[in-house]
Amino acid sequence: MSQAFVKESEEQWLHDVAPTINALTIYLTRENNGIRVYEKDIYTDSSTGKTVYNMSNGLSYSLDKDSKWFIIN
């Protein structure tokens, strides 16, 4: 009798990604089914002083006060 082993996926959430642009790029590419996501533009938000990264997936990301990634609305 054979027994199948099911590996549970090791899900990672955006806020768990290391606070580097390289780690963000790798995470977003993995979440995009392997289709490369890259940085299109970087700017500093004048109202918050935070660095904002516009990515090729159409979303913008920044780091919060705890160095956790979040999506800019």
N, C-alpha and C. Protein backbone atom coordinates (compact mmCIF):
# COMPACT_ATOMS: atom_id res chain seq x y z
N MET A 1 0.85 -1.17 0.00
CA MET A 1 0.00 0.00 0.00
C MET A 1 0.90 1.23 0.00
N SER A 2 0.62 2.17 -0.87
CA SER A 2 1.45 3.38 -0.91
C SER A 2 0.79 4.48 -0.10
N GLN A 3 1.64 5.31 0.41
CA GLN A 3 1.13 6.42 1.20
C GLN A 3 1.67 7.71 0.60
N ALA A 4 0.80 8.65 0.32
CA ALA A 4 1.22 9.92 -0.28
C ALA A 4 1.49 10.93 0.82
N PHE A 5 2.53 11.66 0.64
CA PHE A 5 2.85 12.73 1.57
C PHE A 5 2.48 14.05 0.92
N VAL A 6 1.73 14.83 1.61
CA VAL A 6 1.30 16.12 1.08
C VAL A 6 2.06 17.20 1.82
N LYS A 7 2.80 17.97 1.07
CA LYS A 7 3.55 19.07 1.68
C LYS A 7 2.67 20.31 1.68
N GLU A 8 2.45 20.85 2.85
CA GLU A 8 1.69 22.08 2.93
C GLU A 8 2.55 23.21 2.39
N SER A 9 1.94 24.10 1.64
CA SER A 9 2.71 25.20 1.08
C SER A 9 3.18 26.12 2.19
N GLU A 10 4.36 26.61 2.01
CA GLU A 10 4.92 27.53 2.99
C GLU A 10 4.58 28.94 2.53
N GLU A 11 3.38 29.36 2.90
CA GLU A 11 2.94 30.68 2.47
C GLU A 11 3.73 31.77 3.17
N GLN A 12 3.98 32.81 2.42
CA GLN A 12 4.66 33.98 2.97
C GLN A 12 3.77 35.17 2.66
N TRP A 13 3.63 36.04 3.62
CA TRP A 13 2.82 37.23 3.46
C TRP A 13 3.72 38.42 3.16
N LEU A 14 3.16 39.43 2.53
CA LEU A 14 3.92 40.62 2.17
C LEU A 14 4.63 41.22 3.38
N HIS A 15 3.95 41.31 4.50
CA HIS A 15 4.55 41.93 5.68
C HIS A 15 5.66 41.08 6.30
N ASP A 16 5.82 39.83 5.83
CA ASP A 16 6.89 38.95 6.31
C ASP A 16 8.15 39.02 5.45
N VAL A 17 8.07 39.70 4.32
CA VAL A 17 9.21 39.80 3.39
C VAL A 17 10.26 40.72 3.98
N ALA A 18 11.53 40.34 3.83
CA ALA A 18 12.63 41.17 4.33
C ALA A 18 12.53 42.58 3.74
N PRO A 19 12.95 43.59 4.49
CA PRO A 19 12.78 44.98 4.04
C PRO A 19 13.82 45.45 3.02
N THR A 20 14.03 44.64 1.98
CA THR A 20 14.93 45.03 0.88
C THR A 20 14.17 44.95 -0.43
N ILE A 21 14.58 45.76 -1.39
CA ILE A 21 13.91 45.75 -2.70
C ILE A 21 14.14 44.42 -3.41
N ASN A 22 15.28 43.81 -3.19
CA ASN A 22 15.55 42.51 -3.80
C ASN A 22 14.60 41.45 -3.26
N ALA A 23 14.39 41.42 -1.96
CA ALA A 23 13.46 40.46 -1.36
C ALA A 23 12.04 40.72 -1.86
N LEU A 24 11.65 41.98 -1.98
CA LEU A 24 10.32 42.32 -2.49
C LEU A 24 10.16 41.83 -3.92
N THR A 25 11.16 42.05 -4.75
CA THR A 25 11.11 41.63 -6.16
C THR A 25 10.97 40.11 -6.26
N ILE A 26 11.73 39.38 -5.48
CA ILE A 26 11.65 37.91 -5.49
C ILE A 26 10.26 37.46 -5.04
N TYR A 27 9.75 38.04 -3.98
CA TYR A 27 8.43 37.68 -3.47
C TYR A 27 7.34 37.96 -4.52
N LEU A 28 7.37 39.16 -5.10
CA LEU A 28 6.34 39.52 -6.08
C LEU A 28 6.42 38.64 -7.32
N THR A 29 7.61 38.30 -7.75
CA THR A 29 7.77 37.41 -8.91
C THR A 29 7.20 36.03 -8.60
N ARG A 30 7.47 35.52 -7.42
CA ARG A 30 6.93 34.22 -7.02
C ARG A 30 5.39 34.27 -6.97
N GLU A 31 4.84 35.35 -6.42
CA GLU A 31 3.39 35.51 -6.33
C GLU A 31 2.74 35.72 -7.70
N ASN A 32 3.54 36.12 -8.68
CA ASN A 32 3.06 36.40 -10.03
C ASN A 32 3.31 35.19 -10.94
N ASN A 33 3.29 33.99 -10.34
CA ASN A 33 3.47 32.74 -11.08
C ASN A 33 4.78 32.69 -11.86
N GLY A 34 5.83 33.30 -11.30
CA GLY A 34 7.15 33.24 -11.91
C GLY A 34 7.41 34.29 -12.97
N ILE A 35 6.40 35.08 -13.30
CA ILE A 35 6.60 36.15 -14.28
C ILE A 35 7.28 37.30 -13.55
N ARG A 36 8.45 37.69 -14.07
CA ARG A 36 9.28 38.65 -13.38
C ARG A 36 8.56 39.97 -13.11
N VAL A 37 8.64 40.42 -11.87
CA VAL A 37 8.15 41.73 -11.47
C VAL A 37 9.40 42.56 -11.17
N TYR A 38 9.43 43.78 -11.68
CA TYR A 38 10.62 44.61 -11.50
C TYR A 38 10.22 46.02 -11.08
N GLU A 39 11.20 46.72 -10.60
CA GLU A 39 11.02 48.09 -10.13
C GLU A 39 10.96 49.03 -11.34
N LYS A 40 9.91 49.82 -11.42
CA LYS A 40 9.77 50.76 -12.53
C LYS A 40 10.19 52.17 -12.15
N ASP A 41 9.92 52.55 -10.91
CA ASP A 41 10.19 53.93 -10.49
C ASP A 41 10.32 53.96 -8.97
N ILE A 42 11.13 54.89 -8.49
CA ILE A 42 11.28 55.12 -7.05
C ILE A 42 11.12 56.61 -6.81
N TYR A 43 10.39 56.96 -5.78
CA TYR A 43 10.31 58.37 -5.40
C TYR A 43 10.05 58.48 -3.91
N THR A 44 10.25 59.64 -3.38
CA THR A 44 9.96 59.90 -1.97
C THR A 44 8.65 60.65 -1.88
N ASP A 45 7.72 60.11 -1.12
CA ASP A 45 6.42 60.75 -0.92
C ASP A 45 6.62 62.01 -0.10
N SER A 46 6.21 63.15 -0.65
CA SER A 46 6.45 64.43 0.02
C SER A 46 5.67 64.59 1.32
N SER A 47 4.51 63.92 1.43
CA SER A 47 3.72 64.08 2.65
C SER A 47 4.19 63.18 3.80
N THR A 48 4.77 62.01 3.46
CA THR A 48 5.19 61.08 4.52
C THR A 48 6.70 60.97 4.65
N GLY A 49 7.42 61.35 3.59
CA GLY A 49 8.87 61.20 3.59
C GLY A 49 9.32 59.77 3.33
N LYS A 50 8.39 58.87 3.02
CA LYS A 50 8.72 57.47 2.78
C LYS A 50 9.10 57.24 1.32
N THR A 51 10.02 56.30 1.11
CA THR A 51 10.38 55.89 -0.24
C THR A 51 9.28 54.99 -0.78
N VAL A 52 8.83 55.26 -1.99
CA VAL A 52 7.78 54.49 -2.64
C VAL A 52 8.36 53.82 -3.87
N TYR A 53 8.08 52.54 -4.03
CA TYR A 53 8.57 51.75 -5.15
C TYR A 53 7.39 51.39 -6.04
N ASN A 54 7.37 51.91 -7.27
CA ASN A 54 6.37 51.53 -8.26
C ASN A 54 6.90 50.29 -8.98
N MET A 55 6.12 49.24 -8.95
CA MET A 55 6.56 47.97 -9.53
C MET A 55 5.80 47.67 -10.81
N SER A 56 6.36 46.77 -11.61
CA SER A 56 5.78 46.45 -12.91
C SER A 56 4.44 45.72 -12.81
N ASN A 57 4.05 45.28 -11.63
CA ASN A 57 2.75 44.63 -11.47
C ASN A 57 1.62 45.64 -11.31
N GLY A 58 1.96 46.94 -11.40
CA GLY A 58 0.96 47.99 -11.33
C GLY A 58 0.68 48.52 -9.94
N LEU A 59 1.37 47.99 -8.94
CA LEU A 59 1.17 48.43 -7.57
C LEU A 59 2.40 49.15 -7.05
N SER A 60 2.21 49.95 -6.00
CA SER A 60 3.30 50.67 -5.36
C SER A 60 3.43 50.18 -3.93
N TYR A 61 4.67 50.10 -3.47
CA TYR A 61 4.96 49.54 -2.15
C TYR A 61 5.87 50.49 -1.38
N SER A 62 5.76 50.41 -0.05
CA SER A 62 6.63 51.19 0.82
C SER A 62 6.81 50.40 2.11
N LEU A 63 7.71 50.88 2.96
CA LEU A 63 7.94 50.26 4.25
C LEU A 63 7.31 51.10 5.35
N ASP A 64 6.69 50.44 6.32
CA ASP A 64 6.11 51.17 7.44
C ASP A 64 7.17 51.44 8.51
N LYS A 65 6.75 51.97 9.64
CA LYS A 65 7.70 52.34 10.71
C LYS A 65 8.39 51.12 11.31
N ASP A 66 7.81 49.93 11.12
CA ASP A 66 8.40 48.69 11.63
C ASP A 66 9.18 47.93 10.56
N SER A 67 9.46 48.63 9.43
CA SER A 67 10.17 48.02 8.28
C SER A 67 9.43 46.83 7.70
N LYS A 68 8.11 46.94 7.63
CA LYS A 68 7.26 45.92 7.00
C LYS A 68 6.70 46.50 5.71
N TRP A 69 6.70 45.70 4.64
CA TRP A 69 6.16 46.15 3.37
C TRP A 69 4.65 46.30 3.43
N PHE A 70 4.15 47.32 2.72
CA PHE A 70 2.70 47.47 2.55
C PHE A 70 2.43 48.08 1.19
N ILE A 71 1.21 47.89 0.70
CA ILE A 71 0.80 48.42 -0.61
C ILE A 71 0.28 49.83 -0.42
N ILE A 72 0.73 50.74 -1.28
CA ILE A 72 0.26 52.12 -1.27
C ILE A 72 -1.06 52.16 -2.06
N ASN A 73 -2.08 52.75 -1.51
CA ASN A 73 -3.38 52.86 -2.19
C ASN A 73 -3.39 54.03 -3.13
